[in-house]
Amino acid sequence: MAETYTPMIEQYREIKRHHTDKILFFRLGDFYEMFFEDAEIASRELEITLTGRDGGSGKRIPMCGVPFHAADTYIARLINKGYKVAICEQVEDPKQAKGIVRREVIKIITPGTVLSDVLLPDKSNNYLVVIHEKDDLLILAGADISTGECYWADFAGPYRINTLCDHLYRLSPAEIVLTGRLTDKETLDTFLANRLHGCTITDLAIEDTETTQELLQRHFPDEELPHAGAAIAVGHLLYYLHQTLKTDLSHVNKLMRYNAAEFMTIDTAALRNLEITRNLRDGGRKDTLLSILDFTLNCNSKCNTL
């Protein structure tokens, strides 16, 4: 016999079905409530009380909640632990509603798509990167949406995965999106586990090329990308940003190409031992060369690790 739930819990379950990899903050009056497994995870990670409520047919389901006015603080703690959060709001006046108040996910917050200053510690860069493999090239597209900075780079040759890993260590992205299978995925996984263990990994494969092409034209109408791999990587980046943030991204309007041949680069071992961007103590930013130089008042004035 199929389980039956109250109409509100059925609404929650239907919305959650589309966001299984996220903690769903479900607006209920002056609180964001979480149910079922999300409640158990949030209770543990946020150290808040796990309670329960009647879910229908006399069944009690796990529940916990946080006040909506203090939500940013709790979201920041979840993001810092590598979780993704979907914000589900009431989108009609309860007084006008016929039955259950209509609710929709209005925003998704992931480690790489943070905009709020409350969620960005130390005004540090917060990079989201997409990695795509095309023929013998590894292509990376990256963005820091707090500043609107967007760029792409490609890596070739027999040691391309090592060069890519050195670049990732220098960049310290909060989140990496993979567009598909990588030939040297094992090397990348080992590097991430040993050097960027706090980085969130997301898989995204888009078949709707018309949408990505439209996004490329909208954001970068004057840019001509030299090969299909670059277009795919940047298109995936824009698509992911729009799907998560669900807001205007008109400030993302300039695309830069990063060419390693134009710079003196430092490999991962040297960056780590010299504590340039991460300290040896806990992998954080405190007491690094970058932190000492980077006394700024806003995101746009930050030292750029590129």
Protein backbone atom coordinates (compact mmCIF):
# COMPACT_ATOMS: atom_id res chain seq x y z
CA MET A 1 0.00 0.00 0.00
CA ALA A 2 1.41 3.40 -0.99
CA GLU A 3 2.27 5.78 1.84
CA THR A 4 -0.01 8.78 2.23
CA TYR A 5 1.10 12.16 3.53
CA THR A 6 -0.54 15.47 4.30
CA PRO A 7 -0.92 17.84 1.30
CA MET A 8 1.92 20.06 2.54
CA ILE A 9 4.31 17.14 2.97
CA GLU A 10 3.31 15.85 -0.47
CA GLN A 11 4.18 19.30 -1.84
CA TYR A 12 7.54 19.13 -0.07
CA ARG A 13 8.22 15.64 -1.45
CA GLU A 14 7.39 16.70 -5.01
CA ILE A 15 9.76 19.70 -4.84
CA LYS A 16 12.47 17.64 -3.17
CA ARG A 17 12.20 15.05 -5.96
CA HIS A 18 13.78 17.62 -8.30
CA HIS A 19 16.55 18.53 -5.84
CA THR A 20 17.72 15.25 -4.38
CA ASP A 21 21.36 16.38 -4.06
CA LYS A 22 20.52 19.50 -2.04
CA ILE A 23 19.30 20.44 1.43
CA LEU A 24 15.83 21.89 0.83
CA PHE A 25 15.01 24.97 2.92
CA PHE A 26 11.19 24.90 2.81
CA ARG A 27 9.57 28.20 3.83
CA LEU A 28 6.85 27.77 6.42
CA GLY A 29 5.81 31.04 8.02
CA ASP A 30 8.80 32.65 9.72
CA PHE A 31 10.97 29.54 9.43
CA TYR A 32 12.73 27.43 6.87
CA GLU A 33 11.84 23.85 7.70
CA MET A 34 13.61 20.65 6.67
CA PHE A 35 12.08 17.16 6.70
CA PHE A 36 13.06 13.51 6.44
CA GLU A 37 16.77 12.91 5.71
CA ASP A 38 17.43 16.62 5.16
CA ALA A 39 16.29 17.29 8.72
CA GLU A 40 18.61 14.61 10.10
CA ILE A 41 21.59 15.99 8.15
CA ALA A 42 20.86 19.62 9.07
CA SER A 43 20.32 18.75 12.72
CA ARG A 44 23.70 17.02 12.84
CA GLU A 45 25.69 19.55 10.83
CA LEU A 46 24.10 22.70 12.31
CA GLU A 47 23.75 21.31 15.84
CA ILE A 48 20.07 22.21 16.05
CA THR A 49 17.26 20.22 17.66
CA LEU A 50 15.71 17.42 15.63
CA THR A 51 11.98 17.18 16.26
CA GLY A 52 9.10 15.62 14.37
CA ARG A 53 5.60 16.32 13.11
CA ASP A 54 2.61 14.41 11.86
CA GLY A 55 3.24 13.64 8.20
CA GLY A 56 -0.14 12.01 7.59
CA SER A 57 -1.93 8.82 8.63
CA GLY A 58 -0.50 9.23 12.10
CA LYS A 59 3.13 8.91 10.91
CA ARG A 60 5.71 11.22 12.50
CA ILE A 61 8.49 12.42 10.25
CA PRO A 62 11.84 14.02 11.23
CA MET A 63 11.82 17.83 11.15
CA CYS A 64 14.04 20.75 12.11
CA GLY A 65 14.05 24.42 11.22
CA VAL A 66 15.86 27.76 11.35
CA PRO A 67 14.43 31.32 11.51
CA PHE A 68 14.29 32.88 8.04
CA HIS A 69 15.95 36.12 9.27
CA ALA A 70 19.01 34.13 10.43
CA ALA A 71 19.10 31.71 7.50
CA ASP A 72 22.30 33.09 5.92
CA THR A 73 24.33 32.07 8.94
CA TYR A 74 23.08 28.48 8.79
CA ILE A 75 23.39 28.30 5.00
CA ALA A 76 27.01 29.47 5.26
CA ARG A 77 27.80 26.62 7.64
CA LEU A 78 26.29 24.07 5.27
CA ILE A 79 28.05 25.55 2.23
CA ASN A 80 31.38 25.50 4.08
CA LYS A 81 30.84 21.78 4.68
CA GLY A 82 30.31 21.19 0.95
CA TYR A 83 26.52 20.95 0.86
CA LYS A 84 24.21 22.57 -1.68
CA VAL A 85 21.09 24.38 -0.51
CA ALA A 86 17.82 24.95 -2.40
CA ILE A 87 15.70 27.87 -1.13
CA CYS A 88 11.98 27.18 -1.50
CA GLU A 89 9.72 30.19 -0.91
CA GLN A 90 6.00 30.83 -0.75
CA VAL A 91 5.17 32.50 -4.06
CA GLU A 92 1.58 33.50 -3.37
CA ASP A 93 -0.24 35.28 -0.57
CA PRO A 94 -1.52 32.68 1.92
CA LYS A 95 -4.72 34.74 2.23
CA GLN A 96 -5.36 34.33 -1.49
CA ALA A 97 -4.38 30.67 -1.69
CA LYS A 98 -6.97 28.03 -2.42
CA GLY A 99 -5.64 25.06 -0.52
CA ILE A 100 -1.87 24.70 -0.05
CA VAL A 101 0.18 27.85 -0.61
CA ARG A 102 2.15 27.57 -3.84
CA ARG A 103 5.90 27.24 -3.29
CA GLU A 104 8.84 27.21 -5.70
CA VAL A 105 12.62 26.94 -5.49
CA ILE A 106 13.75 30.49 -6.22
CA LYS A 107 17.48 30.00 -5.75
CA ILE A 108 20.09 27.29 -5.37
CA ILE A 109 23.26 28.03 -3.43
CA THR A 110 26.30 25.86 -4.05
CA PRO A 111 29.89 26.38 -2.85
CA GLY A 112 30.79 27.90 -6.23
CA THR A 113 27.74 30.16 -6.69
CA VAL A 114 27.80 32.19 -3.49
CA LEU A 115 26.97 35.90 -3.85
CA SER A 116 26.18 37.08 -0.31
CA ASP A 117 29.01 38.70 1.67
CA VAL A 118 27.77 36.76 4.70
CA LEU A 119 28.65 33.54 2.90
CA LEU A 120 32.00 34.74 1.52
CA PRO A 121 34.65 34.64 4.27
CA ASP A 122 37.55 37.12 4.19
CA LYS A 123 36.38 38.63 0.87
CA SER A 124 38.27 35.83 -0.86
CA ASN A 125 37.77 34.84 -4.48
CA ASN A 126 35.12 32.18 -4.87
CA TYR A 127 35.69 30.33 -8.13
CA LEU A 128 33.39 27.92 -9.90
CA VAL A 129 35.11 26.00 -12.70
CA VAL A 130 33.93 23.67 -15.45
CA ILE A 131 36.28 21.03 -16.86
CA HIS A 132 35.64 19.60 -20.31
CA GLU A 133 37.72 17.20 -22.42
CA LYS A 134 37.69 17.51 -26.21
CA ASP A 135 40.03 15.43 -28.36
CA ASP A 136 43.54 15.97 -26.88
CA LEU A 137 42.62 19.11 -24.95
CA LEU A 138 41.49 19.72 -21.39
CA ILE A 139 39.45 22.91 -21.30
CA LEU A 140 38.65 24.85 -18.15
CA ALA A 141 36.10 27.64 -17.84
CA GLY A 142 35.96 29.57 -14.59
CA ALA A 143 34.00 32.38 -12.98
CA ASP A 144 33.89 34.33 -9.76
CA ILE A 145 30.35 35.66 -9.79
CA SER A 146 31.00 37.98 -6.85
CA THR A 147 33.09 40.08 -9.25
CA GLY A 148 31.73 38.99 -12.64
CA GLU A 149 35.14 37.69 -13.69
CA CYS A 150 34.97 34.93 -16.30
CA TYR A 151 37.76 33.22 -18.22
CA TRP A 152 38.75 30.05 -20.02
CA ALA A 153 41.96 28.13 -20.63
CA ASP A 154 43.03 24.98 -22.43
CA PHE A 155 45.79 22.53 -21.59
CA ALA A 156 47.52 20.28 -24.13
CA GLY A 157 50.42 17.86 -24.25
CA PRO A 158 51.27 14.63 -22.42
CA TYR A 159 51.28 16.36 -19.01
CA ARG A 160 48.07 18.35 -19.50
CA ILE A 161 46.36 16.83 -16.46
CA ASN A 162 49.31 17.84 -14.24
CA THR A 163 49.27 21.38 -15.62
CA LEU A 164 45.52 21.54 -15.03
CA CYS A 165 45.98 20.36 -11.44
CA ASP A 166 48.65 23.01 -10.81
CA HIS A 167 46.22 25.63 -12.11
CA LEU A 168 43.43 24.32 -9.88
CA TYR A 169 45.66 24.46 -6.82
CA ARG A 170 46.55 28.07 -7.57
CA LEU A 171 42.89 28.93 -8.14
CA SER A 172 41.49 26.96 -5.16
CA PRO A 173 37.96 26.68 -6.62
CA ALA A 174 35.05 26.12 -4.29
CA GLU A 175 33.30 23.90 -6.82
CA ILE A 176 34.23 21.93 -9.96
CA VAL A 177 31.69 20.92 -12.58
CA LEU A 178 32.59 17.99 -14.84
CA THR A 179 30.88 17.80 -18.24
CA GLY A 180 31.56 14.12 -18.85
CA ARG A 181 34.18 11.40 -18.77
CA LEU A 182 37.83 12.42 -18.33
CA THR A 183 40.67 10.22 -19.57
CA ASP A 184 42.80 11.02 -16.51
CA LYS A 185 39.96 11.14 -13.99
CA GLU A 186 41.89 8.99 -11.49
CA THR A 187 44.77 11.50 -11.45
CA LEU A 188 42.33 14.35 -10.90
CA ASP A 189 40.51 12.48 -8.11
CA THR A 190 43.80 11.77 -6.31
CA PHE A 191 44.85 15.40 -6.60
CA LEU A 192 41.52 16.68 -5.28
CA ALA A 193 41.57 14.23 -2.37
CA ASN A 194 45.11 15.21 -1.34
CA ARG A 195 45.24 18.92 -2.17
CA LEU A 196 41.70 20.30 -2.62
CA HIS A 197 39.72 18.00 -0.36
CA GLY A 198 37.17 20.73 0.49
CA CYS A 199 36.18 21.23 -3.15
CA THR A 200 32.67 20.19 -4.22
CA ILE A 201 32.38 18.08 -7.40
CA THR A 202 29.27 18.28 -9.60
CA ASP A 203 28.47 16.33 -12.78
CA LEU A 204 26.61 18.13 -15.56
CA ALA A 205 26.02 16.98 -19.12
CA ILE A 206 23.90 19.28 -21.31
CA GLU A 207 22.38 18.11 -24.56
CA ASP A 208 20.51 21.39 -25.18
CA THR A 209 23.21 23.12 -27.23
CA GLU A 210 20.79 25.81 -28.42
CA THR A 211 20.45 27.10 -24.86
CA THR A 212 24.20 27.21 -24.25
CA GLN A 213 24.78 28.97 -27.58
CA GLU A 214 22.10 31.53 -26.71
CA LEU A 215 23.74 32.16 -23.33
CA LEU A 216 27.15 32.62 -24.98
CA GLN A 217 25.69 35.16 -27.40
CA ARG A 218 23.84 36.99 -24.64
CA HIS A 219 26.81 37.33 -22.30
CA PHE A 220 29.71 37.57 -24.74
CA PRO A 221 28.35 38.79 -28.11
CA ASP A 222 31.74 40.02 -29.32
CA GLU A 223 33.78 36.96 -28.35
CA GLU A 224 34.84 34.38 -30.91
CA LEU A 225 35.98 31.17 -29.23
CA PRO A 226 38.67 29.37 -31.24
CA HIS A 227 37.32 25.83 -30.93
CA ALA A 228 34.22 23.86 -30.00
CA GLY A 229 35.68 22.65 -26.70
CA ALA A 230 35.97 26.18 -25.36
CA ALA A 231 32.40 26.97 -26.40
CA ILE A 232 31.13 23.83 -24.67
CA ALA A 233 33.01 24.57 -21.43
CA VAL A 234 31.95 28.24 -21.23
CA GLY A 235 28.39 27.33 -22.28
CA HIS A 236 28.14 24.76 -19.47
CA LEU A 237 29.46 27.35 -17.01
CA LEU A 238 26.82 29.92 -17.97
CA TYR A 239 24.07 27.30 -17.98
CA TYR A 240 24.98 26.09 -14.48
CA LEU A 241 25.09 29.66 -13.14
CA HIS A 242 21.65 30.46 -14.53
CA GLN A 243 20.14 27.19 -13.32
CA THR A 244 21.37 27.69 -9.78
CA LEU A 245 21.14 31.43 -9.17
CA LYS A 246 17.93 32.09 -11.15
CA THR A 247 18.74 35.81 -11.23
CA ASP A 248 20.16 38.49 -13.48
CA LEU A 249 23.80 37.85 -14.38
CA SER A 250 24.35 40.87 -16.63
CA HIS A 251 27.57 41.70 -14.74
CA VAL A 252 29.11 38.54 -16.25
CA ASN A 253 29.87 40.23 -19.56
CA LYS A 254 33.60 39.95 -20.21
CA LEU A 255 35.45 36.77 -21.10
CA MET A 256 39.21 36.47 -20.79
CA ARG A 257 41.49 33.77 -22.16
CA TYR A 258 44.18 32.59 -19.78
CA ASN A 259 47.30 31.52 -21.65
CA ALA A 260 49.85 29.88 -19.33
CA ALA A 261 52.64 30.63 -21.83
CA GLU A 262 52.26 34.33 -21.04
CA PHE A 263 52.95 33.89 -17.34
CA MET A 264 55.62 32.51 -15.06
CA THR A 265 53.79 29.67 -13.36
CA ILE A 266 54.52 27.96 -10.05
CA ASP A 267 53.71 24.29 -9.63
CA THR A 268 51.66 22.82 -6.80
CA ALA A 269 54.66 21.69 -4.72
CA ALA A 270 56.22 25.17 -4.72
CA LEU A 271 52.89 26.92 -4.07
CA ARG A 272 52.24 24.61 -1.13
CA ASN A 273 55.70 24.74 0.45
CA LEU A 274 55.94 28.52 0.10
CA GLU A 275 52.43 28.93 1.58
CA ILE A 276 51.46 31.42 -1.10
CA THR A 277 47.71 30.79 -1.24
CA ARG A 278 47.18 28.06 1.40
CA ASN A 279 48.95 27.50 4.69
CA LEU A 280 50.45 24.15 5.68
CA ARG A 281 48.73 24.16 9.05
CA ASP A 282 45.13 23.65 7.99
CA GLY A 283 45.03 24.46 4.28
CA GLY A 284 43.38 27.80 5.00
CA ARG A 285 44.21 31.30 3.81
CA LYS A 286 45.39 32.78 7.11
CA ASP A 287 49.09 33.83 7.26
CA THR A 288 49.70 33.06 3.58
CA LEU A 289 51.53 35.49 1.32
CA LEU A 290 48.26 36.27 -0.43
CA SER A 291 46.46 37.06 2.83
CA ILE A 292 49.21 39.47 3.87
CA LEU A 293 49.05 41.35 0.56
CA ASP A 294 45.30 41.28 0.19
CA PHE A 295 44.05 44.00 2.54
CA THR A 296 41.05 45.21 0.56
CA LEU A 297 37.61 46.57 1.33
CA ASN A 298 35.54 44.95 -1.41
CA CYS A 299 35.42 41.98 -3.80
CA ASN A 300 36.53 43.95 -6.86
CA SER A 301 39.79 45.02 -5.18
CA LYS A 302 40.92 41.54 -4.22
CA CYS A 303 44.26 40.12 -5.26
CA ASN A 304 43.71 37.78 -8.19
CA THR A 305 45.24 34.33 -7.85
CA LEU A 306 45.34 33.97 -11.63
